[in-house]
N, C-alpha and C. Protein backbone atom coordinates (compact mmCIF):
# COMPACT_ATOMS: atom_id res chain seq x y z
N MET A 1 0.84 -1.20 0.00
CA MET A 1 0.00 0.00 0.00
C MET A 1 0.88 1.25 0.00
N PRO A 2 0.52 2.26 -0.79
CA PRO A 2 1.36 3.46 -0.89
C PRO A 2 1.24 4.36 0.34
N PHE A 3 2.35 4.95 0.73
CA PHE A 3 2.38 5.94 1.80
C PHE A 3 3.24 7.09 1.34
N PRO A 4 3.03 8.32 1.89
CA PRO A 4 2.18 8.72 3.03
C PRO A 4 0.68 8.59 2.74
N ARG A 5 -0.08 8.59 3.84
CA ARG A 5 -1.54 8.59 3.79
C ARG A 5 -2.07 9.64 4.76
N THR A 6 -3.15 10.28 4.36
CA THR A 6 -3.71 11.34 5.19
C THR A 6 -5.01 10.90 5.85
N GLY A 7 -5.35 11.62 6.91
CA GLY A 7 -6.60 11.36 7.61
C GLY A 7 -6.94 12.56 8.48
N GLY A 8 -7.98 12.42 9.27
CA GLY A 8 -8.36 13.53 10.13
C GLY A 8 -9.68 13.29 10.84
N CYS A 9 -10.09 14.30 11.56
CA CYS A 9 -11.31 14.21 12.37
C CYS A 9 -12.53 14.54 11.51
N ALA A 10 -13.70 14.46 12.13
CA ALA A 10 -14.96 14.66 11.39
C ALA A 10 -15.18 16.11 10.97
N CYS A 11 -14.67 17.07 11.74
CA CYS A 11 -14.94 18.48 11.42
C CYS A 11 -13.85 19.11 10.56
N GLY A 12 -12.73 18.40 10.34
CA GLY A 12 -11.66 18.92 9.50
C GLY A 12 -10.62 19.74 10.23
N LEU A 13 -10.81 19.97 11.53
CA LEU A 13 -9.85 20.78 12.27
C LEU A 13 -8.50 20.09 12.40
N ILE A 14 -8.51 18.83 12.80
CA ILE A 14 -7.27 18.09 12.96
C ILE A 14 -7.05 17.21 11.74
N ARG A 15 -5.99 17.48 11.03
CA ARG A 15 -5.59 16.68 9.88
C ARG A 15 -4.19 16.12 10.15
N TYR A 16 -3.92 14.94 9.63
CA TYR A 16 -2.62 14.34 9.87
C TYR A 16 -2.20 13.52 8.65
N THR A 17 -0.93 13.19 8.61
CA THR A 17 -0.43 12.25 7.61
C THR A 17 0.40 11.18 8.30
N LEU A 18 0.26 9.95 7.84
CA LEU A 18 1.15 8.87 8.26
C LEU A 18 2.25 8.79 7.22
N THR A 19 3.48 9.08 7.63
CA THR A 19 4.56 9.18 6.66
C THR A 19 5.13 7.83 6.26
N LYS A 20 4.83 6.79 7.04
CA LYS A 20 5.29 5.44 6.72
C LYS A 20 4.15 4.45 6.92
N PRO A 21 4.30 3.23 6.40
CA PRO A 21 3.28 2.20 6.67
C PRO A 21 3.25 1.88 8.16
N PRO A 22 2.13 1.42 8.68
CA PRO A 22 2.06 1.01 10.09
C PRO A 22 3.04 -0.13 10.37
N LEU A 23 3.44 -0.21 11.63
CA LEU A 23 4.23 -1.36 12.07
C LEU A 23 3.39 -2.63 11.99
N ILE A 24 2.16 -2.53 12.45
CA ILE A 24 1.20 -3.62 12.41
C ILE A 24 -0.19 -3.03 12.59
N VAL A 25 -1.18 -3.68 12.02
CA VAL A 25 -2.56 -3.19 12.13
C VAL A 25 -3.38 -4.22 12.89
N HIS A 26 -3.97 -3.79 14.00
CA HIS A 26 -4.80 -4.65 14.84
C HIS A 26 -6.27 -4.47 14.50
N CYS A 27 -7.02 -5.55 14.51
CA CYS A 27 -8.47 -5.48 14.66
C CYS A 27 -8.75 -5.95 16.08
N CYS A 28 -9.09 -5.02 16.95
CA CYS A 28 -9.23 -5.33 18.37
C CYS A 28 -10.71 -5.49 18.72
N HIS A 29 -11.03 -6.65 19.29
CA HIS A 29 -12.41 -6.97 19.64
C HIS A 29 -12.66 -6.81 21.15
N CYS A 30 -11.75 -6.16 21.87
CA CYS A 30 -11.92 -6.03 23.32
C CYS A 30 -13.11 -5.12 23.64
N THR A 31 -13.67 -5.31 24.82
CA THR A 31 -14.85 -4.53 25.19
C THR A 31 -14.50 -3.07 25.46
N ALA A 32 -13.24 -2.78 25.77
CA ALA A 32 -12.84 -1.37 25.94
C ALA A 32 -12.92 -0.64 24.60
N CYS A 33 -12.41 -1.25 23.54
CA CYS A 33 -12.50 -0.64 22.21
C CYS A 33 -13.94 -0.55 21.75
N GLN A 34 -14.74 -1.57 22.09
CA GLN A 34 -16.15 -1.52 21.74
C GLN A 34 -16.83 -0.33 22.40
N ARG A 35 -16.49 -0.09 23.65
CA ARG A 35 -17.11 1.04 24.36
C ARG A 35 -16.61 2.37 23.82
N GLN A 36 -15.31 2.48 23.58
CA GLN A 36 -14.76 3.75 23.11
C GLN A 36 -15.26 4.13 21.72
N THR A 37 -15.51 3.13 20.87
CA THR A 37 -15.92 3.42 19.50
C THR A 37 -17.42 3.27 19.28
N GLY A 38 -18.12 2.64 20.23
CA GLY A 38 -19.54 2.39 20.04
C GLY A 38 -19.79 1.39 18.93
N SER A 39 -18.82 0.52 18.68
CA SER A 39 -18.92 -0.44 17.59
C SER A 39 -18.53 -1.82 18.08
N ALA A 40 -18.42 -2.78 17.15
CA ALA A 40 -18.11 -4.15 17.52
C ALA A 40 -16.61 -4.39 17.66
N PHE A 41 -15.80 -3.51 17.10
CA PHE A 41 -14.34 -3.65 17.18
C PHE A 41 -13.71 -2.33 16.74
N ALA A 42 -12.40 -2.24 16.94
CA ALA A 42 -11.64 -1.07 16.46
C ALA A 42 -10.48 -1.57 15.62
N ILE A 43 -10.21 -0.89 14.52
CA ILE A 43 -9.04 -1.20 13.70
C ILE A 43 -8.01 -0.11 13.96
N ASN A 44 -6.87 -0.53 14.52
CA ASN A 44 -5.83 0.40 14.95
C ASN A 44 -4.53 0.13 14.21
N ALA A 45 -3.99 1.16 13.58
CA ALA A 45 -2.70 1.07 12.91
C ALA A 45 -1.62 1.57 13.86
N THR A 46 -0.76 0.68 14.33
CA THR A 46 0.29 1.09 15.26
C THR A 46 1.49 1.61 14.47
N ILE A 47 2.01 2.74 14.92
CA ILE A 47 3.09 3.40 14.19
C ILE A 47 3.88 4.28 15.15
N GLU A 48 5.15 4.51 14.83
CA GLU A 48 5.95 5.43 15.62
C GLU A 48 5.26 6.79 15.64
N SER A 49 5.18 7.40 16.82
CA SER A 49 4.43 8.66 16.93
C SER A 49 5.05 9.77 16.09
N TYR A 50 6.37 9.73 15.88
CA TYR A 50 6.98 10.80 15.07
C TYR A 50 6.67 10.64 13.58
N GLU A 51 6.04 9.52 13.22
CA GLU A 51 5.60 9.35 11.83
C GLU A 51 4.17 9.83 11.62
N VAL A 52 3.54 10.34 12.69
CA VAL A 52 2.21 10.95 12.59
C VAL A 52 2.42 12.46 12.61
N VAL A 53 2.23 13.11 11.48
CA VAL A 53 2.55 14.53 11.33
C VAL A 53 1.25 15.31 11.16
N LEU A 54 1.07 16.34 12.00
CA LEU A 54 -0.13 17.17 11.90
C LEU A 54 -0.06 18.09 10.69
N LEU A 55 -1.22 18.32 10.08
CA LEU A 55 -1.34 19.17 8.90
C LEU A 55 -2.26 20.35 9.20
N ALA A 56 -2.35 21.27 8.25
CA ALA A 56 -3.27 22.40 8.38
C ALA A 56 -4.71 21.91 8.30
N PRO A 57 -5.65 22.64 8.91
CA PRO A 57 -7.07 22.24 8.83
C PRO A 57 -7.58 22.25 7.40
N GLU A 58 -8.63 21.50 7.15
CA GLU A 58 -9.30 21.49 5.86
C GLU A 58 -10.80 21.58 6.09
N SER A 59 -11.53 21.80 5.02
CA SER A 59 -12.98 21.77 5.12
C SER A 59 -13.42 20.39 5.55
N SER A 60 -14.46 20.32 6.34
CA SER A 60 -14.91 19.03 6.85
C SER A 60 -15.41 18.14 5.72
N SER A 61 -15.18 16.84 5.88
CA SER A 61 -15.63 15.86 4.90
C SER A 61 -15.66 14.50 5.56
N ILE A 62 -16.25 13.54 4.88
CA ILE A 62 -16.18 12.15 5.30
C ILE A 62 -15.54 11.35 4.18
N ALA A 63 -15.05 10.16 4.51
CA ALA A 63 -14.42 9.33 3.50
C ALA A 63 -15.43 8.90 2.45
N GLY A 64 -14.94 8.76 1.23
CA GLY A 64 -15.79 8.25 0.16
C GLY A 64 -15.92 6.74 0.26
N SER A 65 -15.77 6.07 -0.86
CA SER A 65 -15.87 4.61 -0.89
C SER A 65 -14.86 4.06 -1.87
N LYS A 66 -14.75 2.75 -1.91
CA LYS A 66 -13.79 2.12 -2.82
C LYS A 66 -14.11 2.47 -4.27
N THR A 67 -15.38 2.56 -4.61
CA THR A 67 -15.77 2.87 -5.99
C THR A 67 -15.76 4.37 -6.28
N SER A 68 -15.85 5.18 -5.23
CA SER A 68 -15.82 6.64 -5.39
C SER A 68 -14.95 7.21 -4.27
N PRO A 69 -13.61 7.11 -4.42
CA PRO A 69 -12.71 7.35 -3.29
C PRO A 69 -12.51 8.79 -2.86
N GLY A 70 -12.99 9.75 -3.62
CA GLY A 70 -12.81 11.14 -3.23
C GLY A 70 -13.56 11.48 -1.97
N PRO A 71 -13.09 12.48 -1.20
CA PRO A 71 -13.80 12.88 0.02
C PRO A 71 -15.18 13.45 -0.29
N VAL A 72 -16.11 13.21 0.60
CA VAL A 72 -17.47 13.71 0.45
C VAL A 72 -17.63 14.95 1.32
N PRO A 73 -17.86 16.13 0.75
CA PRO A 73 -17.98 17.36 1.56
C PRO A 73 -19.14 17.26 2.54
N THR A 74 -18.96 17.88 3.69
CA THR A 74 -20.03 17.95 4.69
C THR A 74 -20.21 19.40 5.12
N GLY A 75 -21.30 19.67 5.78
CA GLY A 75 -21.56 21.03 6.25
C GLY A 75 -22.52 21.01 7.42
N LEU A 76 -22.80 22.18 7.95
CA LEU A 76 -23.76 22.27 9.05
C LEU A 76 -24.51 23.59 8.98
N GLU A 77 -25.71 23.60 9.53
CA GLU A 77 -26.52 24.80 9.66
C GLU A 77 -26.38 25.33 11.08
N PRO A 78 -25.87 26.57 11.26
CA PRO A 78 -25.78 27.12 12.61
C PRO A 78 -27.09 27.06 13.38
N ALA A 79 -28.22 27.22 12.67
CA ALA A 79 -29.52 27.16 13.34
C ALA A 79 -29.77 25.78 13.92
N PHE A 80 -29.34 24.74 13.21
CA PHE A 80 -29.50 23.38 13.74
C PHE A 80 -28.65 23.21 14.99
N ALA A 81 -27.42 23.74 14.94
CA ALA A 81 -26.55 23.64 16.11
C ALA A 81 -27.16 24.33 17.32
N SER A 82 -27.68 25.54 17.11
CA SER A 82 -28.22 26.30 18.24
C SER A 82 -29.47 25.65 18.82
N THR A 83 -30.31 25.07 17.97
CA THR A 83 -31.53 24.45 18.48
C THR A 83 -31.31 23.06 19.06
N THR A 84 -30.08 22.55 18.92
CA THR A 84 -29.74 21.28 19.58
C THR A 84 -28.70 21.50 20.67
N ASP A 85 -28.59 22.79 21.11
CA ASP A 85 -27.68 23.15 22.20
C ASP A 85 -26.24 22.73 21.92
N ALA A 86 -25.79 22.92 20.68
CA ALA A 86 -24.44 22.52 20.28
C ALA A 86 -23.63 23.74 19.88
N SER A 87 -22.31 23.62 19.98
CA SER A 87 -21.43 24.69 19.55
C SER A 87 -21.03 24.47 18.09
N VAL A 88 -20.64 25.54 17.43
CA VAL A 88 -20.18 25.47 16.05
C VAL A 88 -18.66 25.43 16.07
N PRO A 89 -18.02 24.49 15.35
CA PRO A 89 -16.57 24.37 15.39
C PRO A 89 -15.85 25.66 14.99
N ALA A 90 -14.81 25.98 15.74
CA ALA A 90 -13.94 27.10 15.39
C ALA A 90 -12.69 26.56 14.71
N THR A 91 -11.92 27.43 14.07
CA THR A 91 -10.72 27.00 13.37
C THR A 91 -9.52 27.83 13.82
N PRO A 92 -8.78 27.39 14.83
CA PRO A 92 -7.58 28.12 15.23
C PRO A 92 -6.49 28.00 14.18
N GLU A 93 -5.52 28.91 14.23
CA GLU A 93 -4.47 28.91 13.23
C GLU A 93 -3.60 27.65 13.32
N ILE A 94 -3.29 27.22 14.54
CA ILE A 94 -2.45 26.04 14.73
C ILE A 94 -3.21 25.04 15.58
N PRO A 95 -4.06 24.23 14.99
CA PRO A 95 -4.86 23.30 15.77
C PRO A 95 -4.02 22.18 16.37
N GLN A 96 -4.31 21.83 17.59
CA GLN A 96 -3.63 20.74 18.26
C GLN A 96 -4.68 19.81 18.86
N PRO A 97 -4.47 18.50 18.76
CA PRO A 97 -5.40 17.59 19.42
C PRO A 97 -5.24 17.67 20.93
N VAL A 98 -6.21 17.16 21.65
CA VAL A 98 -6.14 17.11 23.11
C VAL A 98 -6.21 15.66 23.54
N SER A 99 -5.74 15.39 24.75
CA SER A 99 -5.64 14.02 25.24
C SER A 99 -6.37 13.87 26.56
N VAL A 100 -6.95 12.69 26.76
CA VAL A 100 -7.56 12.33 28.03
C VAL A 100 -7.13 10.91 28.36
N CYS A 101 -6.78 10.67 29.62
CA CYS A 101 -6.35 9.34 30.04
C CYS A 101 -7.52 8.62 30.70
N LEU A 102 -7.87 7.46 30.16
CA LEU A 102 -8.99 6.68 30.66
C LEU A 102 -8.49 5.48 31.45
N PRO A 103 -9.23 5.04 32.46
CA PRO A 103 -8.85 3.81 33.17
C PRO A 103 -8.89 2.61 32.22
N SER A 104 -8.01 1.65 32.46
CA SER A 104 -7.97 0.46 31.61
C SER A 104 -7.95 -0.80 32.46
N GLU A 105 -8.22 -1.93 31.83
CA GLU A 105 -8.23 -3.22 32.54
C GLU A 105 -6.88 -3.52 33.16
N SER A 106 -5.81 -3.10 32.51
CA SER A 106 -4.47 -3.35 33.03
C SER A 106 -4.16 -2.52 34.27
N GLY A 107 -4.94 -1.47 34.49
CA GLY A 107 -4.65 -0.55 35.59
C GLY A 107 -3.66 0.52 35.21
N PHE A 108 -3.10 0.42 34.01
CA PHE A 108 -2.11 1.36 33.53
C PHE A 108 -2.75 2.65 33.05
N GLY A 109 -3.85 2.48 32.32
CA GLY A 109 -4.51 3.62 31.69
C GLY A 109 -4.34 3.59 30.19
N THR A 110 -5.20 4.30 29.50
CA THR A 110 -5.14 4.46 28.04
C THR A 110 -5.34 5.93 27.73
N THR A 111 -4.40 6.53 27.03
CA THR A 111 -4.54 7.93 26.66
C THR A 111 -5.15 8.02 25.27
N VAL A 112 -6.28 8.72 25.18
CA VAL A 112 -7.00 8.88 23.92
C VAL A 112 -6.76 10.30 23.41
N VAL A 113 -6.30 10.42 22.19
CA VAL A 113 -6.02 11.71 21.56
C VAL A 113 -7.17 12.02 20.60
N HIS A 114 -7.79 13.19 20.78
CA HIS A 114 -8.96 13.50 19.96
C HIS A 114 -8.99 14.96 19.57
N CYS A 115 -9.86 15.28 18.64
CA CYS A 115 -10.06 16.66 18.21
C CYS A 115 -10.71 17.45 19.35
N PRO A 116 -10.24 18.67 19.64
CA PRO A 116 -10.83 19.45 20.72
C PRO A 116 -12.20 20.04 20.38
N THR A 117 -12.58 19.97 19.11
CA THR A 117 -13.85 20.56 18.69
C THR A 117 -14.93 19.52 18.49
N CYS A 118 -14.66 18.51 17.66
CA CYS A 118 -15.70 17.50 17.38
C CYS A 118 -15.51 16.23 18.21
N PHE A 119 -14.37 16.13 18.91
CA PHE A 119 -14.08 15.02 19.82
C PHE A 119 -13.90 13.67 19.12
N THR A 120 -13.65 13.68 17.82
CA THR A 120 -13.32 12.43 17.13
C THR A 120 -12.04 11.85 17.72
N SER A 121 -12.08 10.57 18.10
CA SER A 121 -10.87 9.90 18.59
C SER A 121 -9.96 9.60 17.40
N LEU A 122 -8.71 10.02 17.50
CA LEU A 122 -7.77 9.90 16.38
C LEU A 122 -6.76 8.79 16.60
N TRP A 123 -6.16 8.76 17.78
CA TRP A 123 -5.24 7.68 18.11
C TRP A 123 -5.13 7.54 19.62
N ASN A 124 -4.60 6.40 20.05
CA ASN A 124 -4.44 6.09 21.47
C ASN A 124 -2.98 5.82 21.79
N TYR A 125 -2.63 5.97 23.07
CA TYR A 125 -1.34 5.53 23.60
C TYR A 125 -1.60 4.46 24.66
N TYR A 126 -0.82 3.39 24.60
CA TYR A 126 -0.96 2.30 25.57
C TYR A 126 0.36 2.08 26.31
N GLY A 127 0.34 1.14 27.22
CA GLY A 127 1.50 0.89 28.07
C GLY A 127 2.69 0.27 27.37
N ASP A 128 2.50 -0.22 26.14
CA ASP A 128 3.64 -0.86 25.46
C ASP A 128 4.65 0.15 24.94
N GLY A 129 4.20 1.36 24.65
CA GLY A 129 5.13 2.34 24.11
C GLY A 129 4.86 3.76 24.56
N GLY A 130 3.82 3.94 25.37
CA GLY A 130 3.50 5.28 25.86
C GLY A 130 3.31 6.25 24.71
N PRO A 131 3.83 7.46 24.84
CA PRO A 131 3.61 8.48 23.81
C PRO A 131 4.41 8.26 22.53
N HIS A 132 5.23 7.22 22.52
CA HIS A 132 6.10 6.99 21.36
C HIS A 132 5.50 6.04 20.33
N VAL A 133 4.40 5.37 20.68
CA VAL A 133 3.72 4.46 19.74
C VAL A 133 2.26 4.87 19.67
N SER A 134 1.82 5.29 18.49
CA SER A 134 0.43 5.72 18.30
C SER A 134 -0.38 4.59 17.68
N TYR A 135 -1.55 4.36 18.27
CA TYR A 135 -2.52 3.40 17.72
C TYR A 135 -3.57 4.22 16.98
N VAL A 136 -3.35 4.44 15.70
CA VAL A 136 -4.19 5.34 14.91
C VAL A 136 -5.48 4.62 14.50
N ARG A 137 -6.61 5.27 14.73
CA ARG A 137 -7.90 4.73 14.32
C ARG A 137 -7.97 4.73 12.79
N VAL A 138 -7.97 3.55 12.21
CA VAL A 138 -7.95 3.44 10.76
C VAL A 138 -9.17 4.11 10.13
N GLY A 139 -10.29 4.12 10.84
CA GLY A 139 -11.49 4.76 10.32
C GLY A 139 -11.35 6.25 10.12
N THR A 140 -10.31 6.88 10.69
CA THR A 140 -10.09 8.32 10.49
C THR A 140 -9.23 8.60 9.26
N LEU A 141 -8.71 7.57 8.61
CA LEU A 141 -7.97 7.78 7.36
C LEU A 141 -8.92 8.18 6.24
N ASP A 142 -8.40 8.87 5.24
CA ASP A 142 -9.23 9.30 4.13
C ASP A 142 -9.69 8.13 3.26
N LYS A 143 -8.90 7.06 3.22
CA LYS A 143 -9.28 5.85 2.48
C LYS A 143 -9.10 4.64 3.40
N PRO A 144 -9.95 4.52 4.41
CA PRO A 144 -9.75 3.47 5.41
C PRO A 144 -9.87 2.07 4.85
N TRP A 145 -10.61 1.90 3.77
CA TRP A 145 -10.80 0.56 3.20
C TRP A 145 -9.52 -0.02 2.60
N GLU A 146 -8.50 0.82 2.43
CA GLU A 146 -7.25 0.34 1.86
C GLU A 146 -6.27 -0.19 2.90
N VAL A 147 -6.61 -0.08 4.17
CA VAL A 147 -5.73 -0.56 5.25
C VAL A 147 -6.43 -1.70 5.97
N GLU A 148 -5.96 -2.92 5.75
CA GLU A 148 -6.58 -4.11 6.31
C GLU A 148 -5.84 -4.56 7.57
N PRO A 149 -6.53 -5.24 8.49
CA PRO A 149 -5.86 -5.75 9.70
C PRO A 149 -4.82 -6.82 9.36
N ASP A 150 -3.78 -6.87 10.18
CA ASP A 150 -2.79 -7.95 10.11
C ASP A 150 -3.09 -9.05 11.11
N VAL A 151 -3.87 -8.71 12.15
CA VAL A 151 -4.11 -9.65 13.24
C VAL A 151 -5.39 -9.26 13.96
N HIS A 152 -6.07 -10.25 14.51
CA HIS A 152 -7.26 -10.02 15.35
C HIS A 152 -6.89 -10.34 16.79
N ILE A 153 -7.18 -9.42 17.70
CA ILE A 153 -6.85 -9.63 19.11
C ILE A 153 -8.11 -9.51 19.98
N TYR A 154 -8.01 -10.10 21.15
CA TYR A 154 -9.12 -10.12 22.12
C TYR A 154 -10.39 -10.68 21.50
N THR A 155 -10.22 -11.78 20.78
CA THR A 155 -11.39 -12.42 20.18
C THR A 155 -12.28 -13.10 21.23
N ARG A 156 -11.82 -13.14 22.47
CA ARG A 156 -12.66 -13.69 23.55
C ARG A 156 -13.97 -12.91 23.66
N SER A 157 -13.95 -11.65 23.26
CA SER A 157 -15.16 -10.82 23.33
C SER A 157 -15.66 -10.43 21.93
N ARG A 158 -15.27 -11.22 20.93
CA ARG A 158 -15.78 -10.97 19.58
C ARG A 158 -17.29 -11.14 19.57
N ARG A 159 -17.98 -10.18 18.95
CA ARG A 159 -19.43 -10.28 18.84
C ARG A 159 -19.80 -11.45 17.93
N ALA A 160 -20.89 -12.13 18.26
CA ALA A 160 -21.26 -13.36 17.55
C ALA A 160 -21.54 -13.13 16.08
N PHE A 161 -22.01 -11.93 15.72
CA PHE A 161 -22.34 -11.68 14.32
C PHE A 161 -21.12 -11.31 13.48
N VAL A 162 -19.95 -11.13 14.12
CA VAL A 162 -18.72 -10.80 13.39
C VAL A 162 -18.04 -12.10 12.98
N ASP A 163 -18.03 -12.38 11.70
CA ASP A 163 -17.42 -13.60 11.17
C ASP A 163 -16.03 -13.25 10.64
N ILE A 164 -14.99 -13.78 11.26
CA ILE A 164 -13.62 -13.49 10.83
C ILE A 164 -13.23 -14.53 9.78
N ALA A 165 -13.12 -14.08 8.55
CA ALA A 165 -12.83 -15.01 7.45
C ALA A 165 -11.68 -14.52 6.58
N ASP A 166 -10.82 -13.65 7.13
CA ASP A 166 -9.73 -13.09 6.32
C ASP A 166 -8.45 -13.91 6.41
N GLY A 167 -8.45 -14.96 7.22
CA GLY A 167 -7.27 -15.81 7.32
C GLY A 167 -6.13 -15.22 8.14
N LYS A 168 -6.36 -14.08 8.79
CA LYS A 168 -5.30 -13.46 9.58
C LYS A 168 -5.21 -14.13 10.96
N PRO A 169 -4.05 -14.05 11.62
CA PRO A 169 -3.90 -14.67 12.95
C PRO A 169 -4.92 -14.11 13.94
N GLN A 170 -5.35 -14.98 14.86
CA GLN A 170 -6.33 -14.59 15.88
C GLN A 170 -5.80 -14.97 17.26
N PHE A 171 -6.04 -14.09 18.23
CA PHE A 171 -5.62 -14.35 19.60
C PHE A 171 -6.77 -13.99 20.54
N THR A 172 -7.01 -14.83 21.53
CA THR A 172 -8.11 -14.57 22.46
C THR A 172 -7.83 -13.35 23.31
N GLU A 173 -6.54 -13.04 23.55
CA GLU A 173 -6.16 -11.81 24.25
C GLU A 173 -5.14 -11.09 23.37
N TYR A 174 -4.12 -10.46 23.98
CA TYR A 174 -3.07 -9.82 23.19
C TYR A 174 -2.11 -10.91 22.71
N TYR A 175 -1.43 -10.67 21.60
CA TYR A 175 -0.52 -11.70 21.09
C TYR A 175 0.71 -11.81 21.99
N PRO A 176 1.29 -13.02 22.11
CA PRO A 176 2.42 -13.22 23.03
C PRO A 176 3.72 -12.60 22.54
N SER A 177 3.89 -12.43 21.22
CA SER A 177 5.14 -11.90 20.68
C SER A 177 4.86 -10.96 19.51
N ARG A 178 5.19 -9.69 19.69
CA ARG A 178 5.04 -8.72 18.61
C ARG A 178 6.00 -9.05 17.47
N GLU A 179 7.23 -9.39 17.84
CA GLU A 179 8.27 -9.62 16.84
C GLU A 179 7.88 -10.72 15.85
N ALA A 180 7.15 -11.72 16.33
CA ALA A 180 6.77 -12.84 15.46
C ALA A 180 5.79 -12.42 14.37
N LEU A 181 5.12 -11.29 14.55
CA LEU A 181 4.10 -10.85 13.60
C LEU A 181 4.56 -9.72 12.69
N LEU A 182 5.66 -9.07 13.03
CA LEU A 182 6.10 -7.91 12.26
C LEU A 182 6.80 -8.33 10.97
N SER A 183 6.66 -7.49 9.95
CA SER A 183 7.41 -7.69 8.72
C SER A 183 8.88 -7.37 8.98
N GLU A 184 9.73 -7.71 8.04
CA GLU A 184 11.16 -7.46 8.22
C GLU A 184 11.45 -5.98 8.42
N ASP A 185 10.82 -5.14 7.60
CA ASP A 185 11.03 -3.69 7.73
C ASP A 185 10.48 -3.17 9.05
N ALA A 186 9.28 -3.62 9.43
CA ALA A 186 8.68 -3.16 10.68
C ALA A 186 9.50 -3.61 11.88
N LEU A 187 10.07 -4.80 11.81
CA LEU A 187 10.89 -5.30 12.91
C LEU A 187 12.12 -4.42 13.10
N LYS A 188 12.75 -3.99 12.01
CA LYS A 188 13.90 -3.09 12.10
C LYS A 188 13.49 -1.77 12.75
N ARG A 189 12.36 -1.25 12.34
CA ARG A 189 11.88 0.02 12.91
C ARG A 189 11.56 -0.13 14.39
N TRP A 190 10.96 -1.28 14.76
CA TRP A 190 10.63 -1.53 16.16
C TRP A 190 11.89 -1.61 17.01
N GLU A 191 12.93 -2.26 16.50
CA GLU A 191 14.18 -2.37 17.24
C GLU A 191 14.79 -0.99 17.46
N LEU A 192 14.69 -0.11 16.46
CA LEU A 192 15.21 1.25 16.61
C LEU A 192 14.44 2.04 17.65
N LEU A 193 13.18 1.69 17.85
CA LEU A 193 12.33 2.42 18.79
C LEU A 193 12.52 1.96 20.23
N LYS A 194 13.05 0.76 20.42
CA LYS A 194 13.15 0.18 21.76
C LYS A 194 13.92 1.04 22.76
N PRO A 195 15.08 1.63 22.41
CA PRO A 195 15.78 2.47 23.40
C PRO A 195 14.95 3.66 23.87
N THR A 196 14.20 4.26 22.96
CA THR A 196 13.34 5.39 23.34
C THR A 196 12.26 4.95 24.30
N ILE A 197 11.66 3.78 24.04
CA ILE A 197 10.63 3.25 24.93
C ILE A 197 11.23 2.90 26.28
N ALA A 198 12.44 2.33 26.28
CA ALA A 198 13.10 1.99 27.55
C ALA A 198 13.33 3.23 28.39
N GLN A 199 13.75 4.34 27.76
CA GLN A 199 13.95 5.58 28.50
C GLN A 199 12.64 6.11 29.04
N TRP A 200 11.58 6.00 28.26
CA TRP A 200 10.26 6.44 28.74
C TRP A 200 9.83 5.63 29.96
N ARG A 201 10.11 4.33 29.96
CA ARG A 201 9.73 3.50 31.10
C ARG A 201 10.49 3.88 32.36
N ILE A 202 11.74 4.31 32.21
CA ILE A 202 12.50 4.81 33.35
C ILE A 202 11.82 6.06 33.91
N GLU A 203 11.43 6.96 33.01
CA GLU A 203 10.74 8.18 33.44
C GLU A 203 9.39 7.85 34.08
N LEU A 204 8.72 6.84 33.53
CA LEU A 204 7.43 6.43 34.10
C LEU A 204 7.59 5.90 35.51
N ARG A 205 8.60 5.05 35.72
CA ARG A 205 8.83 4.50 37.07
C ARG A 205 9.16 5.60 38.06
N ALA A 206 9.92 6.59 37.61
CA ALA A 206 10.25 7.72 38.48
C ALA A 206 9.00 8.50 38.85
N ALA A 207 8.11 8.70 37.87
CA ALA A 207 6.86 9.41 38.13
C ALA A 207 5.96 8.60 39.06
N GLN A 208 5.96 7.27 38.89
CA GLN A 208 5.16 6.41 39.77
C GLN A 208 5.68 6.49 41.20
N ALA A 209 7.00 6.48 41.36
CA ALA A 209 7.59 6.56 42.70
C ALA A 209 7.26 7.89 43.36
N LYS A 210 7.26 8.95 42.56
CA LYS A 210 6.93 10.27 43.09
C LYS A 210 5.49 10.31 43.56
N GLU A 211 4.57 9.71 42.77
CA GLU A 211 3.16 9.67 43.15
C GLU A 211 2.96 8.88 44.43
N GLN A 212 3.66 7.76 44.55
CA GLN A 212 3.53 6.92 45.73
C GLN A 212 4.07 7.60 46.98
N GLY A 213 5.02 8.53 46.77
CA GLY A 213 5.62 9.22 47.91
C GLY A 213 4.82 10.39 48.42
N LYS A 214 3.74 10.73 47.72
CA LYS A 214 2.92 11.87 48.14
C LYS A 214 2.10 11.52 49.37
């Protein structure tokens, strides 16, 4: 699949590009992803965070389709917003996403990065890489149908109507070895990222010790 690829939120305020292919793409069937997305699963493209580059805002749109791949323009009536007690999105010169940390089953937490205006979830940070590994919501890409999962995880909570027939590996929880699933290029990139993640974990332990000492 060709890269870079662009994506963004529903209102067009936050736009981004993925400068390289994902390290690996998960289809996650866990109940946390189901709750966060309001769907049966989430498709997350994991990638080094420095490969996610913010772009200037654009007019709001939604993704097209495989047969008509161009973006579909969207709009809103201020009168509709006011009569539904809603705000109208603003466009700052340098838009930045905002983050909120949610409790997780691991007890570690999950940081969700979203648009400050429309609140579209764009990517998450988890305990495996903290802020250095982004789990990008594939549905926010401009052509999400072109990015397929490499693996299905947490199938223990797969909804009964979801039939997995793509032949990709399946795990009832998280997979036991990331390295076993990565491509040769992705494995090299992951190895380069490990020292940065190790340093973050040192900083995390120091922050944990400080919190415990309060």
